[in-house]
PDB file of N, CA and C in Angstrom:
ATOM      1  N   MET A   1     106.320  93.138  92.173  1.00  0.00           N
ATOM      2  CA  MET A   1     105.281  93.965  92.792  1.00  0.00           C
ATOM      3  C   MET A   1     105.941  94.941  93.766  1.00  0.00           C
ATOM      4  N   TYR A   2     105.138  95.659  94.483  1.00  0.00           N
ATOM      5  CA  TYR A   2     105.647  96.662  95.405  1.00  0.00           C
ATOM      6  C   TYR A   2     105.819  96.070  96.793  1.00  0.00           C
ATOM      7  N   ASN A   3     106.834  96.546  97.503  1.00  0.00           N
ATOM      8  CA  ASN A   3     106.980  96.114  98.887  1.00  0.00           C
ATOM      9  C   ASN A   3     106.256  97.111  99.793  1.00  0.00           C
ATOM     10  N   ASP A   4     106.284  96.857 101.086  1.00  0.00           N
ATOM     11  CA  ASP A   4     105.538  97.700 102.026  1.00  0.00           C
ATOM     12  C   ASP A   4     106.040  99.135 102.047  1.00  0.00           C
ATOM     13  N   ASN A   5     107.354  99.334 101.976  1.00  0.00           N
ATOM     14  CA  ASN A   5     107.890 100.698 101.996  1.00  0.00           C
ATOM     15  C   ASN A   5     107.429 101.492 100.784  1.00  0.00           C
ATOM     16  N   THR A   6     107.515 100.892  99.621  1.00  0.00           N
ATOM     17  CA  THR A   6     107.101 101.582  98.399  1.00  0.00           C
ATOM     18  C   THR A   6     105.616 101.913  98.445  1.00  0.00           C
ATOM     19  N   ARG A   7     104.821 100.964  98.876  1.00  0.00           N
ATOM     20  CA  ARG A   7     103.374 101.182  98.958  1.00  0.00           C
ATOM     21  C   ARG A   7     103.057 102.297  99.952  1.00  0.00           C
ATOM     22  N   SER A   8     103.720 102.303 101.086  1.00  0.00           N
ATOM     23  CA  SER A   8     103.479 103.340 102.096  1.00  0.00           C
ATOM     24  C   SER A   8     103.877 104.716 101.585  1.00  0.00           C
ATOM     25  N   LEU A   9     104.987 104.811 100.881  1.00  0.00           N
ATOM     26  CA  LEU A   9     105.421 106.092 100.339  1.00  0.00           C
ATOM     27  C   LEU A   9     104.423 106.634  99.319  1.00  0.00           C
ATOM     28  N   CYS A  10     103.732 105.742  98.627  1.00  0.00           N
ATOM     29  CA  CYS A  10     102.766 106.162  97.611  1.00  0.00           C
ATOM     30  C   CYS A  10     101.398 106.492  98.200  1.00  0.00           C
ATOM     31  N   GLN A  11     101.110 106.050  99.431  1.00  0.00           N
ATOM     32  CA  GLN A  11      99.761 106.192  99.961  1.00  0.00           C
ATOM     33  C   GLN A  11      99.637 107.134 101.150  1.00  0.00           C
ATOM     34  N   LEU A  12     100.639 107.192 102.007  1.00  0.00           N
ATOM     35  CA  LEU A  12     100.528 108.013 103.207  1.00  0.00           C
ATOM     36  C   LEU A  12     100.746 109.493 102.884  1.00  0.00           C
ATOM     37  N   PRO A  13     100.078 110.383 103.606  1.00  0.00           N
ATOM     38  CA  PRO A  13     100.356 111.822 103.426  1.00  0.00           C
ATOM     39  C   PRO A  13     101.793 112.134 103.823  1.00  0.00           C
ATOM     40  N   SER A  14     102.420 113.043 103.118  1.00  0.00           N
ATOM     41  CA  SER A  14     103.834 113.341 103.378  1.00  0.00           C
ATOM     42  C   SER A  14     104.062 113.977 104.743  1.00  0.00           C
ATOM     43  N   THR A  15     103.016 114.495 105.370  1.00  0.00           N
ATOM     44  CA  THR A  15     103.146 115.097 106.699  1.00  0.00           C
ATOM     45  C   THR A  15     102.942 114.076 107.815  1.00  0.00           C
ATOM     46  N   ASP A  16     102.570 112.867 107.475  1.00  0.00           N
ATOM     47  CA  ASP A  16     102.334 111.809 108.452  1.00  0.00           C
ATOM     48  C   ASP A  16     103.673 111.298 108.990  1.00  0.00           C
ATOM     49  N   LEU A  17     103.757 111.094 110.281  1.00  0.00           N
ATOM     50  CA  LEU A  17     105.002 110.599 110.874  1.00  0.00           C
ATOM     51  C   LEU A  17     105.339 109.194 110.391  1.00  0.00           C
ATOM     52  N   ASN A  18     104.337 108.404 110.042  1.00  0.00           N
ATOM     53  CA  ASN A  18     104.604 107.080 109.490  1.00  0.00           C
ATOM     54  C   ASN A  18     105.267 107.188 108.114  1.00  0.00           C
ATOM     55  N   PHE A  19     104.906 108.205 107.336  1.00  0.00           N
ATOM     56  CA  PHE A  19     105.552 108.445 106.045  1.00  0.00           C
ATOM     57  C   PHE A  19     107.023 108.775 106.262  1.00  0.00           C
ATOM     58  N   VAL A  20     107.290 109.666 107.206  1.00  0.00           N
ATOM     59  CA  VAL A  20     108.666 110.081 107.491  1.00  0.00           C
ATOM     60  C   VAL A  20     109.495 108.882 107.949  1.00  0.00           C
ATOM     61  N   SER A  21     108.930 108.067 108.820  1.00  0.00           N
ATOM     62  CA  SER A  21     109.625 106.878 109.302  1.00  0.00           C
ATOM     63  C   SER A  21     109.904 105.909 108.151  1.00  0.00           C
ATOM     64  N   CYS A  22     108.911 105.710 107.311  1.00  0.00           N
ATOM     65  CA  CYS A  22     109.069 104.821 106.163  1.00  0.00           C
ATOM     66  C   CYS A  22     110.121 105.364 105.199  1.00  0.00           C
ATOM     67  N   LEU A  23     110.121 106.659 104.998  1.00  0.00           N
ATOM     68  CA  LEU A  23     111.101 107.289 104.108  1.00  0.00           C
ATOM     69  C   LEU A  23     112.519 107.084 104.642  1.00  0.00           C
ATOM     70  N   ASN A  24     112.689 107.193 105.938  1.00  0.00           N
ATOM     71  CA  ASN A  24     114.011 107.026 106.542  1.00  0.00           C
ATOM     72  C   ASN A  24     114.540 105.596 106.436  1.00  0.00           C
ATOM     73  N   ARG A  25     113.650 104.612 106.483  1.00  0.00           N
ATOM     74  CA  ARG A  25     114.110 103.217 106.446  1.00  0.00           C
ATOM     75  C   ARG A  25     114.117 102.626 105.038  1.00  0.00           C
ATOM     76  N   SER A  26     113.620 103.363 104.054  1.00  0.00           N
ATOM     77  CA  SER A  26     113.579 102.881 102.666  1.00  0.00           C
ATOM     78  C   SER A  26     114.950 102.993 102.018  1.00  0.00           C
ATOM     79  N   SER A  27     115.216 102.079 101.117  1.00  0.00           N
ATOM     80  CA  SER A  27     116.449 102.156 100.343  1.00  0.00           C
ATOM     81  C   SER A  27     116.258 103.168  99.211  1.00  0.00           C
ATOM     82  N   ASN A  28     117.362 103.575  98.612  1.00  0.00           N
ATOM     83  CA  ASN A  28     117.287 104.505  97.481  1.00  0.00           C
ATOM     84  C   ASN A  28     116.449 103.918  96.347  1.00  0.00           C
ATOM     85  N   GLU A  29     116.589 102.628  96.095  1.00  0.00           N
ATOM     86  CA  GLU A  29     115.845 101.971  95.031  1.00  0.00           C
ATOM     87  C   GLU A  29     114.347 102.000  95.309  1.00  0.00           C
ATOM     88  N   GLU A  30     113.955 101.796  96.560  1.00  0.00           N
ATOM     89  CA  GLU A  30     112.538 101.841  96.918  1.00  0.00           C
ATOM     90  C   GLU A  30     111.970 103.243  96.727  1.00  0.00           C
ATOM     91  N   ILE A  31     112.741 104.251  97.098  1.00  0.00           N
ATOM     92  CA  ILE A  31     112.293 105.639  96.940  1.00  0.00           C
ATOM     93  C   ILE A  31     112.147 105.981  95.465  1.00  0.00           C
ATOM     94  N   ILE A  32     113.119 105.587  94.661  1.00  0.00           N
ATOM     95  CA  ILE A  32     113.063 105.848  93.222  1.00  0.00           C
ATOM     96  C   ILE A  32     111.853 105.160  92.599  1.00  0.00           C
ATOM     97  N   LYS A  33     111.588 103.931  92.990  1.00  0.00           N
ATOM     98  CA  LYS A  33     110.431 103.195  92.475  1.00  0.00           C
ATOM     99  C   LYS A  33     109.133 103.903  92.873  1.00  0.00           C
ATOM    100  N   ALA A  34     109.041 104.375  94.117  1.00  0.00           N
ATOM    101  CA  ALA A  34     107.848 105.082  94.578  1.00  0.00           C
ATOM    102  C   ALA A  34     107.641 106.370  93.775  1.00  0.00           C
ATOM    103  N   ILE A  35     108.725 107.090  93.494  1.00  0.00           N
ATOM    104  CA  ILE A  35     108.624 108.316  92.691  1.00  0.00           C
ATOM    105  C   ILE A  35     108.096 107.990  91.297  1.00  0.00           C
ATOM    106  N   GLU A  36     108.614 106.926  90.692  1.00  0.00           N
ATOM    107  CA  GLU A  36     108.154 106.529  89.359  1.00  0.00           C
ATOM    108  C   GLU A  36     106.666 106.201  89.364  1.00  0.00           C
ATOM    109  N   ILE A  37     106.219 105.476  90.384  1.00  0.00           N
ATOM    110  CA  ILE A  37     104.809 105.104  90.488  1.00  0.00           C
ATOM    111  C   ILE A  37     103.944 106.347  90.650  1.00  0.00           C
ATOM    112  N   MET A  38     104.365 107.256  91.526  1.00  0.00           N
ATOM    113  CA  MET A  38     103.569 108.449  91.784  1.00  0.00           C
ATOM    114  C   MET A  38     103.521 109.374  90.569  1.00  0.00           C
ATOM    115  N   LYS A  39     104.628 109.487  89.843  1.00  0.00           N
ATOM    116  CA  LYS A  39     104.643 110.347  88.654  1.00  0.00           C
ATOM    117  C   LYS A  39     103.773 109.787  87.542  1.00  0.00           C
ATOM    118  N   SER A  40     103.610 108.475  87.494  1.00  0.00           N
ATOM    119  CA  SER A  40     102.795 107.872  86.444  1.00  0.00           C
ATOM    120  C   SER A  40     101.306 107.893  86.773  1.00  0.00           C
ATOM    121  N   SER A  41     100.954 108.312  87.989  1.00  0.00           N
ATOM    122  CA  SER A  41      99.538 108.369  88.359  1.00  0.00           C
ATOM    123  C   SER A  41      98.954 109.745  88.040  1.00  0.00           C
ATOM    124  N   ASN A  42      97.820 110.065  88.602  1.00  0.00           N
ATOM    125  CA  ASN A  42      97.027 111.220  88.192  1.00  0.00           C
ATOM    126  C   ASN A  42      97.470 112.573  88.736  1.00  0.00           C
ATOM    127  N   GLY A  43      98.636 112.706  89.328  1.00  0.00           N
ATOM    128  CA  GLY A  43      99.147 114.016  89.727  1.00  0.00           C
ATOM    129  C   GLY A  43      98.765 114.493  91.117  1.00  0.00           C
ATOM    130  N   LYS A  44      98.276 113.623  91.953  1.00  0.00           N
ATOM    131  CA  LYS A  44      97.884 114.009  93.312  1.00  0.00           C
ATOM    132  C   LYS A  44      99.007 113.820  94.326  1.00  0.00           C
ATOM    133  N   HIS A  45     100.200 113.548  93.873  1.00  0.00           N
ATOM    134  CA  HIS A  45     101.281 113.162  94.768  1.00  0.00           C
ATOM    135  C   HIS A  45     102.416 114.173  94.826  1.00  0.00           C
ATOM    136  N   LYS A  46     102.171 115.413  94.522  1.00  0.00           N
ATOM    137  CA  LYS A  46     103.252 116.399  94.423  1.00  0.00           C
ATOM    138  C   LYS A  46     104.051 116.518  95.718  1.00  0.00           C
ATOM    139  N   GLY A  47     103.392 116.581  96.854  1.00  0.00           N
ATOM    140  CA  GLY A  47     104.077 116.702  98.136  1.00  0.00           C
ATOM    141  C   GLY A  47     104.910 115.483  98.462  1.00  0.00           C
ATOM    142  N   ARG A  48     104.376 114.308  98.183  1.00  0.00           N
ATOM    143  CA  ARG A  48     105.109 113.058  98.433  1.00  0.00           C
ATOM    144  C   ARG A  48     106.332 112.961  97.528  1.00  0.00           C
ATOM    145  N   ILE A  49     106.158 113.328  96.262  1.00  0.00           N
ATOM    146  CA  ILE A  49     107.273 113.268  95.315  1.00  0.00           C
ATOM    147  C   ILE A  49     108.387 114.214  95.756  1.00  0.00           C
ATOM    148  N   LYS A  50     108.031 115.430  96.141  1.00  0.00           N
ATOM    149  CA  LYS A  50     109.035 116.406  96.596  1.00  0.00           C
ATOM    150  C   LYS A  50     109.766 115.894  97.825  1.00  0.00           C
ATOM    151  N   ALA A  51     109.028 115.306  98.771  1.00  0.00           N
ATOM    152  CA  ALA A  51     109.656 114.785  99.991  1.00  0.00           C
ATOM    153  C   ALA A  51     110.635 113.661  99.656  1.00  0.00           C
ATOM    154  N   CYS A  52     110.258 112.799  98.739  1.00  0.00           N
ATOM    155  CA  CYS A  52     111.134 111.698  98.339  1.00  0.00           C
ATOM    156  C   CYS A  52     112.376 112.227  97.619  1.00  0.00           C
ATOM    157  N   GLU A  53     112.188 113.191  96.740  1.00  0.00           N
ATOM    158  CA  GLU A  53     113.328 113.770  96.025  1.00  0.00           C
ATOM    159  C   GLU A  53     114.280 114.481  96.975  1.00  0.00           C
ATOM    160  N   ARG A  54     113.729 115.177  97.969  1.00  0.00           N
ATOM    161  CA  ARG A  54     114.582 115.841  98.975  1.00  0.00           C
ATOM    162  C   ARG A  54     115.400 114.810  99.744  1.00  0.00           C
ATOM    163  N   GLU A  55     114.779 113.693 100.107  1.00  0.00           N
ATOM    164  CA  GLU A  55     115.487 112.652 100.842  1.00  0.00           C
ATOM    165  C   GLU A  55     116.622 112.079 100.008  1.00  0.00           C
ATOM    166  N   LEU A  56     116.383 111.839  98.734  1.00  0.00           N
ATOM    167  CA  LEU A  56     117.446 111.318  97.873  1.00  0.00           C
ATOM    168  C   LEU A  56     118.605 112.309  97.759  1.00  0.00           C
ATOM    169  N   LYS A  57     118.300 113.607  97.614  1.00  0.00           N
ATOM    170  CA  LYS A  57     119.350 114.630  97.545  1.00  0.00           C
ATOM    171  C   LYS A  57     120.120 114.698  98.853  1.00  0.00           C
ATOM    172  N   LYS A  58     119.419 114.598  99.978  1.00  0.00           N
ATOM    173  CA  LYS A  58     120.076 114.625 101.281  1.00  0.00           C
ATOM    174  C   LYS A  58     121.036 113.449 101.427  1.00  0.00           C
ATOM    175  N   ARG A  59     120.607 112.291 100.994  1.00  0.00           N
ATOM    176  CA  ARG A  59     121.477 111.107 101.064  1.00  0.00           C
ATOM    177  C   ARG A  59     122.678 111.245 100.144  1.00  0.00           C
ATOM    178  N   GLU A  60     122.457 111.824  98.972  1.00  0.00           N
ATOM    179  CA  GLU A  60     123.553 112.024  98.031  1.00  0.00           C
ATOM    180  C   GLU A  60     124.600 112.977  98.598  1.00  0.00           C
ATOM    181  N   ARG A  61     124.144 114.074  99.215  1.00  0.00           N
ATOM    182  CA  ARG A  61     125.066 115.036  99.833  1.00  0.00           C
ATOM    183  C   ARG A  61     125.826 114.386 100.982  1.00  0.00           C
ATOM    184  N   GLY A  62     125.148 113.541 101.750  1.00  0.00           N
ATOM    185  CA  GLY A  62     125.799 112.852 102.862  1.00  0.00           C
ATOM    186  C   GLY A  62     126.881 111.895 102.401  1.00  0.00           C
ATOM    187  N   ASN A  63     126.663 111.238 101.292  1.00  0.00           N
ATOM    188  CA  ASN A  63     127.650 110.305 100.759  1.00  0.00           C
ATOM    189  C   ASN A  63     128.836 111.024 100.148  1.00  0.00           C
ATOM    190  N   ASN A  64     128.625 112.217  99.616  1.00  0.00           N
ATOM    191  CA  ASN A  64     129.712 112.974  98.984  1.00  0.00           C
ATOM    192  C   ASN A  64     130.630 113.633 100.000  1.00  0.00           C
ATOM    193  N   GLN A  65     130.190 113.799 101.237  1.00  0.00           N
ATOM    194  CA  GLN A  65     130.988 114.489 102.244  1.00  0.00           C
ATOM    195  C   GLN A  65     132.016 113.572 102.895  1.00  0.00           C
ATOM    196  N   CYS A  66     131.962 112.283 102.644  1.00  0.00           N
ATOM    197  CA  CYS A  66     132.890 111.336 103.280  1.00  0.00           C
ATOM    198  C   CYS A  66     134.295 111.489 102.797  1.00  0.00           C
TER     199      CYS A  66
END
């Protein structure tokens, strides 16, 4: 099932500070799972999906700079 981070990423508005906090503490796997869930739903999650994808890209760039 889903954990609290995944559920929050799928339900909170992307402009909510709780969403941002949850996004920062989520693992890459949790973010990927949330994206999969949101993409399989009715299409109301475009902003959340973009925010999650940006976070994953930011983390990837941070890991490559080491």
